[in-house]
Amino acid sequence: MSEKETDDKVFKALSSPIRRGLLDALRNNPQLTGELCARFASLNRCTVMQHLSVLEAAGLVVTKRTGRQRWNYLNAIPIKRIHDRWIGAYASEAVHLLGRMKTQMERASERQVDAL
């Protein structure tokens, strides 16, 4: 699968508030599918499973079966790849600008103290 196709799947997966909610639920620890269904009680199990399938196809969720239990794990690597591609360069420049601004403010403050 090409990088474009992979990115398209990730963007499609992230476009749904329900899927973003599922990812939020998995942020701190893996959960069983039944736990996720309980958390999203307004949806039936089939709908939750369909959303999890989209997340899994995009590589954002990794599943592991243990007997009859299905554990769902967040895989943040695709999000990091998108961050690095689309945001990382801008964030790096912003951090650099903040560093320069801090230095300039410290120098100006030193000059004011020296003037007293």
N, C-alpha and C. Protein backbone atom coordinates (compact mmCIF):
# COMPACT_ATOMS: atom_id res chain seq x y z
N MET A 1 0.84 -1.17 0.00
CA MET A 1 0.00 0.00 0.00
C MET A 1 0.90 1.25 0.00
N SER A 2 0.54 2.23 -0.82
CA SER A 2 1.34 3.44 -0.92
C SER A 2 1.16 4.33 0.30
N GLU A 3 2.09 5.25 0.48
CA GLU A 3 2.01 6.19 1.61
C GLU A 3 0.73 7.03 1.53
N LYS A 4 0.35 7.41 0.32
CA LYS A 4 -0.87 8.20 0.11
C LYS A 4 -2.10 7.41 0.55
N GLU A 5 -2.17 6.15 0.15
CA GLU A 5 -3.31 5.32 0.54
C GLU A 5 -3.36 5.13 2.05
N THR A 6 -2.20 4.94 2.66
CA THR A 6 -2.13 4.79 4.11
C THR A 6 -2.61 6.06 4.80
N ASP A 7 -2.11 7.21 4.34
CA ASP A 7 -2.53 8.49 4.93
C ASP A 7 -4.03 8.71 4.74
N ASP A 8 -4.55 8.36 3.57
CA ASP A 8 -5.99 8.51 3.32
C ASP A 8 -6.80 7.71 4.33
N LYS A 9 -6.37 6.50 4.61
CA LYS A 9 -7.08 5.67 5.59
C LYS A 9 -7.03 6.27 6.99
N VAL A 10 -5.87 6.82 7.34
CA VAL A 10 -5.73 7.44 8.67
C VAL A 10 -6.63 8.67 8.77
N PHE A 11 -6.59 9.53 7.75
CA PHE A 11 -7.45 10.72 7.77
C PHE A 11 -8.92 10.34 7.80
N LYS A 12 -9.30 9.33 7.04
CA LYS A 12 -10.70 8.88 7.04
C LYS A 12 -11.08 8.37 8.43
N ALA A 13 -10.20 7.59 9.04
CA ALA A 13 -10.48 7.06 10.38
C ALA A 13 -10.62 8.18 11.40
N LEU A 14 -9.78 9.20 11.29
CA LEU A 14 -9.81 10.30 12.25
C LEU A 14 -10.95 11.28 12.00
N SER A 15 -11.62 11.17 10.86
CA SER A 15 -12.68 12.12 10.53
C SER A 15 -13.95 11.90 11.34
N SER A 16 -14.10 10.75 11.96
CA SER A 16 -15.32 10.44 12.70
C SER A 16 -15.15 10.74 14.19
N PRO A 17 -16.07 11.51 14.77
CA PRO A 17 -15.99 11.78 16.21
C PRO A 17 -16.08 10.50 17.05
N ILE A 18 -16.83 9.53 16.59
CA ILE A 18 -16.94 8.26 17.33
C ILE A 18 -15.60 7.55 17.34
N ARG A 19 -14.94 7.49 16.20
CA ARG A 19 -13.63 6.82 16.15
C ARG A 19 -12.58 7.57 16.95
N ARG A 20 -12.64 8.90 16.93
CA ARG A 20 -11.72 9.67 17.78
C ARG A 20 -12.01 9.38 19.25
N GLY A 21 -13.27 9.22 19.59
CA GLY A 21 -13.63 8.86 20.96
C GLY A 21 -13.10 7.49 21.35
N LEU A 22 -13.16 6.55 20.43
CA LEU A 22 -12.60 5.23 20.70
C LEU A 22 -11.10 5.32 20.93
N LEU A 23 -10.41 6.11 20.12
CA LEU A 23 -8.97 6.29 20.31
C LEU A 23 -8.67 6.96 21.65
N ASP A 24 -9.49 7.94 22.02
CA ASP A 24 -9.32 8.57 23.33
C ASP A 24 -9.48 7.56 24.44
N ALA A 25 -10.43 6.66 24.29
CA ALA A 25 -10.67 5.63 25.31
C ALA A 25 -9.48 4.68 25.43
N LEU A 26 -8.76 4.49 24.33
CA LEU A 26 -7.61 3.57 24.34
C LEU A 26 -6.29 4.27 24.65
N ARG A 27 -6.33 5.58 24.83
CA ARG A 27 -5.10 6.35 25.00
C ARG A 27 -4.26 5.88 26.18
N ASN A 28 -4.89 5.64 27.31
CA ASN A 28 -4.13 5.32 28.53
C ASN A 28 -3.90 3.83 28.76
N ASN A 29 -4.77 3.01 28.21
CA ASN A 29 -4.59 1.57 28.39
C ASN A 29 -5.45 0.80 27.39
N PRO A 30 -5.03 -0.41 27.05
CA PRO A 30 -5.83 -1.24 26.14
C PRO A 30 -7.14 -1.63 26.82
N GLN A 31 -8.13 -1.91 26.00
CA GLN A 31 -9.43 -2.30 26.54
C GLN A 31 -10.02 -3.43 25.73
N LEU A 32 -10.86 -4.17 26.40
CA LEU A 32 -11.61 -5.22 25.73
C LEU A 32 -12.70 -4.59 24.86
N THR A 33 -13.08 -5.28 23.81
CA THR A 33 -14.13 -4.77 22.94
C THR A 33 -15.42 -4.55 23.73
N GLY A 34 -15.73 -5.45 24.64
CA GLY A 34 -16.93 -5.30 25.46
C GLY A 34 -16.90 -4.04 26.31
N GLU A 35 -15.72 -3.69 26.82
CA GLU A 35 -15.58 -2.45 27.60
C GLU A 35 -15.83 -1.22 26.73
N LEU A 36 -15.33 -1.27 25.51
CA LEU A 36 -15.56 -0.15 24.59
C LEU A 36 -17.05 -0.05 24.23
N CYS A 37 -17.68 -1.18 24.04
CA CYS A 37 -19.11 -1.17 23.73
C CYS A 37 -19.90 -0.59 24.91
N ALA A 38 -19.52 -0.92 26.12
CA ALA A 38 -20.19 -0.38 27.30
C ALA A 38 -19.97 1.13 27.40
N ARG A 39 -18.79 1.58 27.05
CA ARG A 39 -18.47 3.01 27.11
C ARG A 39 -19.31 3.79 26.09
N PHE A 40 -19.58 3.16 24.95
CA PHE A 40 -20.38 3.79 23.90
C PHE A 40 -21.74 3.11 23.84
N ALA A 41 -22.44 3.18 24.94
CA ALA A 41 -23.71 2.45 25.10
C ALA A 41 -24.80 2.92 24.14
N SER A 42 -24.66 4.13 23.60
CA SER A 42 -25.67 4.62 22.66
C SER A 42 -25.56 3.93 21.30
N LEU A 43 -24.47 3.20 21.08
CA LEU A 43 -24.25 2.47 19.84
C LEU A 43 -24.40 0.97 20.09
N ASN A 44 -24.86 0.24 19.10
CA ASN A 44 -24.91 -1.21 19.28
C ASN A 44 -23.53 -1.80 19.02
N ARG A 45 -23.34 -3.02 19.45
CA ARG A 45 -22.03 -3.67 19.37
C ARG A 45 -21.52 -3.74 17.92
N CYS A 46 -22.42 -4.01 16.99
CA CYS A 46 -22.04 -4.11 15.58
C CYS A 46 -21.45 -2.78 15.07
N THR A 47 -22.05 -1.67 15.46
CA THR A 47 -21.56 -0.36 15.04
C THR A 47 -20.18 -0.08 15.62
N VAL A 48 -20.00 -0.39 16.91
CA VAL A 48 -18.69 -0.21 17.53
C VAL A 48 -17.65 -1.06 16.81
N MET A 49 -18.00 -2.29 16.49
CA MET A 49 -17.08 -3.19 15.79
C MET A 49 -16.72 -2.64 14.41
N GLN A 50 -17.70 -2.05 13.72
CA GLN A 50 -17.41 -1.47 12.40
C GLN A 50 -16.42 -0.32 12.53
N HIS A 51 -16.61 0.53 13.53
CA HIS A 51 -15.68 1.65 13.75
C HIS A 51 -14.29 1.12 14.11
N LEU A 52 -14.23 0.10 14.94
CA LEU A 52 -12.94 -0.49 15.29
C LEU A 52 -12.26 -1.09 14.06
N SER A 53 -13.04 -1.65 13.15
CA SER A 53 -12.48 -2.21 11.91
C SER A 53 -11.84 -1.13 11.05
N VAL A 54 -12.47 0.04 10.98
CA VAL A 54 -11.90 1.15 10.21
C VAL A 54 -10.59 1.60 10.86
N LEU A 55 -10.58 1.70 12.19
CA LEU A 55 -9.37 2.09 12.91
C LEU A 55 -8.26 1.05 12.73
N GLU A 56 -8.65 -0.22 12.73
CA GLU A 56 -7.67 -1.29 12.53
C GLU A 56 -7.11 -1.26 11.11
N ALA A 57 -7.95 -1.03 10.12
CA ALA A 57 -7.50 -0.97 8.73
C ALA A 57 -6.53 0.20 8.51
N ALA A 58 -6.71 1.27 9.30
CA ALA A 58 -5.82 2.43 9.20
C ALA A 58 -4.55 2.24 10.03
N GLY A 59 -4.48 1.14 10.78
CA GLY A 59 -3.31 0.88 11.60
C GLY A 59 -3.31 1.62 12.92
N LEU A 60 -4.43 2.25 13.27
CA LEU A 60 -4.52 3.02 14.51
C LEU A 60 -4.86 2.16 15.72
N VAL A 61 -5.42 1.01 15.47
CA VAL A 61 -5.76 0.06 16.54
C VAL A 61 -5.18 -1.30 16.16
N VAL A 62 -4.56 -1.91 17.14
CA VAL A 62 -4.03 -3.26 16.98
C VAL A 62 -4.80 -4.13 17.95
N THR A 63 -5.23 -5.30 17.48
CA THR A 63 -6.00 -6.19 18.35
C THR A 63 -5.21 -7.45 18.65
N LYS A 64 -5.54 -8.00 19.80
CA LYS A 64 -4.93 -9.27 20.21
C LYS A 64 -6.02 -10.10 20.87
N ARG A 65 -6.15 -11.32 20.38
CA ARG A 65 -7.15 -12.22 20.95
C ARG A 65 -6.52 -13.07 22.03
N THR A 66 -7.21 -13.13 23.15
CA THR A 66 -6.82 -14.01 24.25
C THR A 66 -8.06 -14.83 24.59
N GLY A 67 -8.10 -16.04 24.08
CA GLY A 67 -9.31 -16.85 24.24
C GLY A 67 -10.46 -16.19 23.51
N ARG A 68 -11.54 -15.92 24.25
CA ARG A 68 -12.71 -15.26 23.64
C ARG A 68 -12.62 -13.74 23.75
N GLN A 69 -11.61 -13.27 24.43
CA GLN A 69 -11.47 -11.82 24.63
C GLN A 69 -10.67 -11.19 23.50
N ARG A 70 -11.09 -10.01 23.13
CA ARG A 70 -10.39 -9.26 22.08
C ARG A 70 -9.91 -7.95 22.69
N TRP A 71 -8.59 -7.83 22.86
CA TRP A 71 -7.98 -6.64 23.41
C TRP A 71 -7.68 -5.66 22.29
N ASN A 72 -7.95 -4.39 22.51
CA ASN A 72 -7.71 -3.33 21.53
C ASN A 72 -6.65 -2.40 22.09
N TYR A 73 -5.61 -2.16 21.30
CA TYR A 73 -4.49 -1.32 21.70
C TYR A 73 -4.39 -0.14 20.73
N LEU A 74 -4.10 1.04 21.27
CA LEU A 74 -3.84 2.20 20.44
C LEU A 74 -2.46 2.08 19.81
N ASN A 75 -2.36 2.34 18.52
CA ASN A 75 -1.08 2.43 17.83
C ASN A 75 -0.96 3.87 17.32
N ALA A 76 -0.18 4.67 18.00
CA ALA A 76 -0.07 6.09 17.68
C ALA A 76 0.92 6.39 16.54
N ILE A 77 1.60 5.38 16.05
CA ILE A 77 2.62 5.60 15.01
C ILE A 77 2.03 6.28 13.76
N PRO A 78 0.87 5.86 13.23
CA PRO A 78 0.34 6.57 12.05
C PRO A 78 0.04 8.05 12.33
N ILE A 79 -0.40 8.36 13.54
CA ILE A 79 -0.66 9.76 13.89
C ILE A 79 0.66 10.52 13.96
N LYS A 80 1.68 9.89 14.52
CA LYS A 80 3.00 10.54 14.59
C LYS A 80 3.55 10.81 13.19
N ARG A 81 3.36 9.85 12.28
CA ARG A 81 3.83 10.05 10.90
C ARG A 81 3.16 11.27 10.27
N ILE A 82 1.85 11.41 10.50
CA ILE A 82 1.13 12.56 9.96
C ILE A 82 1.60 13.84 10.64
N HIS A 83 1.81 13.77 11.94
CA HIS A 83 2.33 14.93 12.66
C HIS A 83 3.68 15.35 12.10
N ASP A 84 4.56 14.40 11.93
CA ASP A 84 5.90 14.70 11.42
C ASP A 84 5.83 15.31 10.02
N ARG A 85 4.92 14.81 9.21
CA ARG A 85 4.82 15.28 7.83
C ARG A 85 4.15 16.65 7.73
N TRP A 86 3.07 16.85 8.47
CA TRP A 86 2.25 18.03 8.30
C TRP A 86 2.48 19.11 9.36
N ILE A 87 2.92 18.74 10.54
CA ILE A 87 3.00 19.71 11.64
C ILE A 87 4.42 19.89 12.15
N GLY A 88 5.20 18.84 12.14
CA GLY A 88 6.52 18.85 12.75
C GLY A 88 7.40 20.02 12.34
N ALA A 89 7.47 20.31 11.05
CA ALA A 89 8.33 21.40 10.59
C ALA A 89 7.85 22.74 11.13
N TYR A 90 6.54 22.95 11.19
CA TYR A 90 6.00 24.20 11.71
C TYR A 90 6.24 24.31 13.22
N ALA A 91 6.05 23.21 13.91
CA ALA A 91 6.27 23.21 15.36
C ALA A 91 7.73 23.47 15.68
N SER A 92 8.63 22.89 14.92
CA SER A 92 10.06 23.10 15.12
C SER A 92 10.40 24.57 14.95
N GLU A 93 9.87 25.19 13.93
CA GLU A 93 10.12 26.62 13.69
C GLU A 93 9.54 27.45 14.82
N ALA A 94 8.36 27.10 15.31
CA ALA A 94 7.75 27.84 16.41
C ALA A 94 8.60 27.75 17.67
N VAL A 95 9.14 26.58 17.97
CA VAL A 95 10.00 26.42 19.14
C VAL A 95 11.26 27.26 18.97
N HIS A 96 11.81 27.27 17.77
CA HIS A 96 13.00 28.09 17.49
C HIS A 96 12.68 29.57 17.72
N LEU A 97 11.54 30.04 17.22
CA LEU A 97 11.15 31.44 17.40
C LEU A 97 10.94 31.78 18.87
N LEU A 98 10.34 30.87 19.62
CA LEU A 98 10.15 31.11 21.06
C LEU A 98 11.49 31.21 21.78
N GLY A 99 12.44 30.39 21.39
CA GLY A 99 13.79 30.45 21.97
C GLY A 99 14.45 31.79 21.69
N ARG A 100 14.32 32.26 20.46
CA ARG A 100 14.89 33.56 20.10
C ARG A 100 14.22 34.69 20.87
N MET A 101 12.89 34.61 21.00
CA MET A 101 12.16 35.63 21.74
C MET A 101 12.58 35.65 23.21
N LYS A 102 12.74 34.49 23.81
CA LYS A 102 13.18 34.40 25.20
C LYS A 102 14.55 35.05 25.37
N THR A 103 15.46 34.75 24.47
CA THR A 103 16.81 35.33 24.54
C THR A 103 16.75 36.85 24.41
N GLN A 104 15.95 37.34 23.47
CA GLN A 104 15.84 38.79 23.28
C GLN A 104 15.22 39.46 24.52
N MET A 105 14.24 38.84 25.11
CA MET A 105 13.61 39.41 26.31
C MET A 105 14.58 39.42 27.49
N GLU A 106 15.36 38.36 27.62
CA GLU A 106 16.35 38.32 28.70
C GLU A 106 17.40 39.40 28.51
N ARG A 107 17.85 39.61 27.29
CA ARG A 107 18.84 40.66 27.01
C ARG A 107 18.26 42.04 27.29
N ALA A 108 17.00 42.24 26.88
CA ALA A 108 16.37 43.54 27.14
C ALA A 108 16.22 43.78 28.64
N SER A 109 15.87 42.74 29.36
CA SER A 109 15.75 42.85 30.82
C SER A 109 17.09 43.17 31.46
N GLU A 110 18.16 42.53 30.98
CA GLU A 110 19.51 42.80 31.50
C GLU A 110 19.91 44.24 31.23
N ARG A 111 19.56 44.76 30.04
CA ARG A 111 19.89 46.14 29.70
C ARG A 111 19.15 47.12 30.62
N GLN A 112 17.90 46.79 30.95
CA GLN A 112 17.12 47.66 31.85
C GLN A 112 17.74 47.67 33.24
N VAL A 113 18.18 46.50 33.73
CA VAL A 113 18.81 46.41 35.03
C VAL A 113 20.11 47.19 35.03
N ASP A 114 20.91 47.06 33.96
CA ASP A 114 22.17 47.78 33.86
C ASP A 114 21.96 49.29 33.81
N ALA A 115 20.83 49.73 33.22
CA ALA A 115 20.54 51.15 33.09
C ALA A 115 20.19 51.76 34.44
N LEU A 116 19.74 50.94 35.37
CA LEU A 116 19.39 51.46 36.70
C LEU A 116 20.65 51.71 37.45
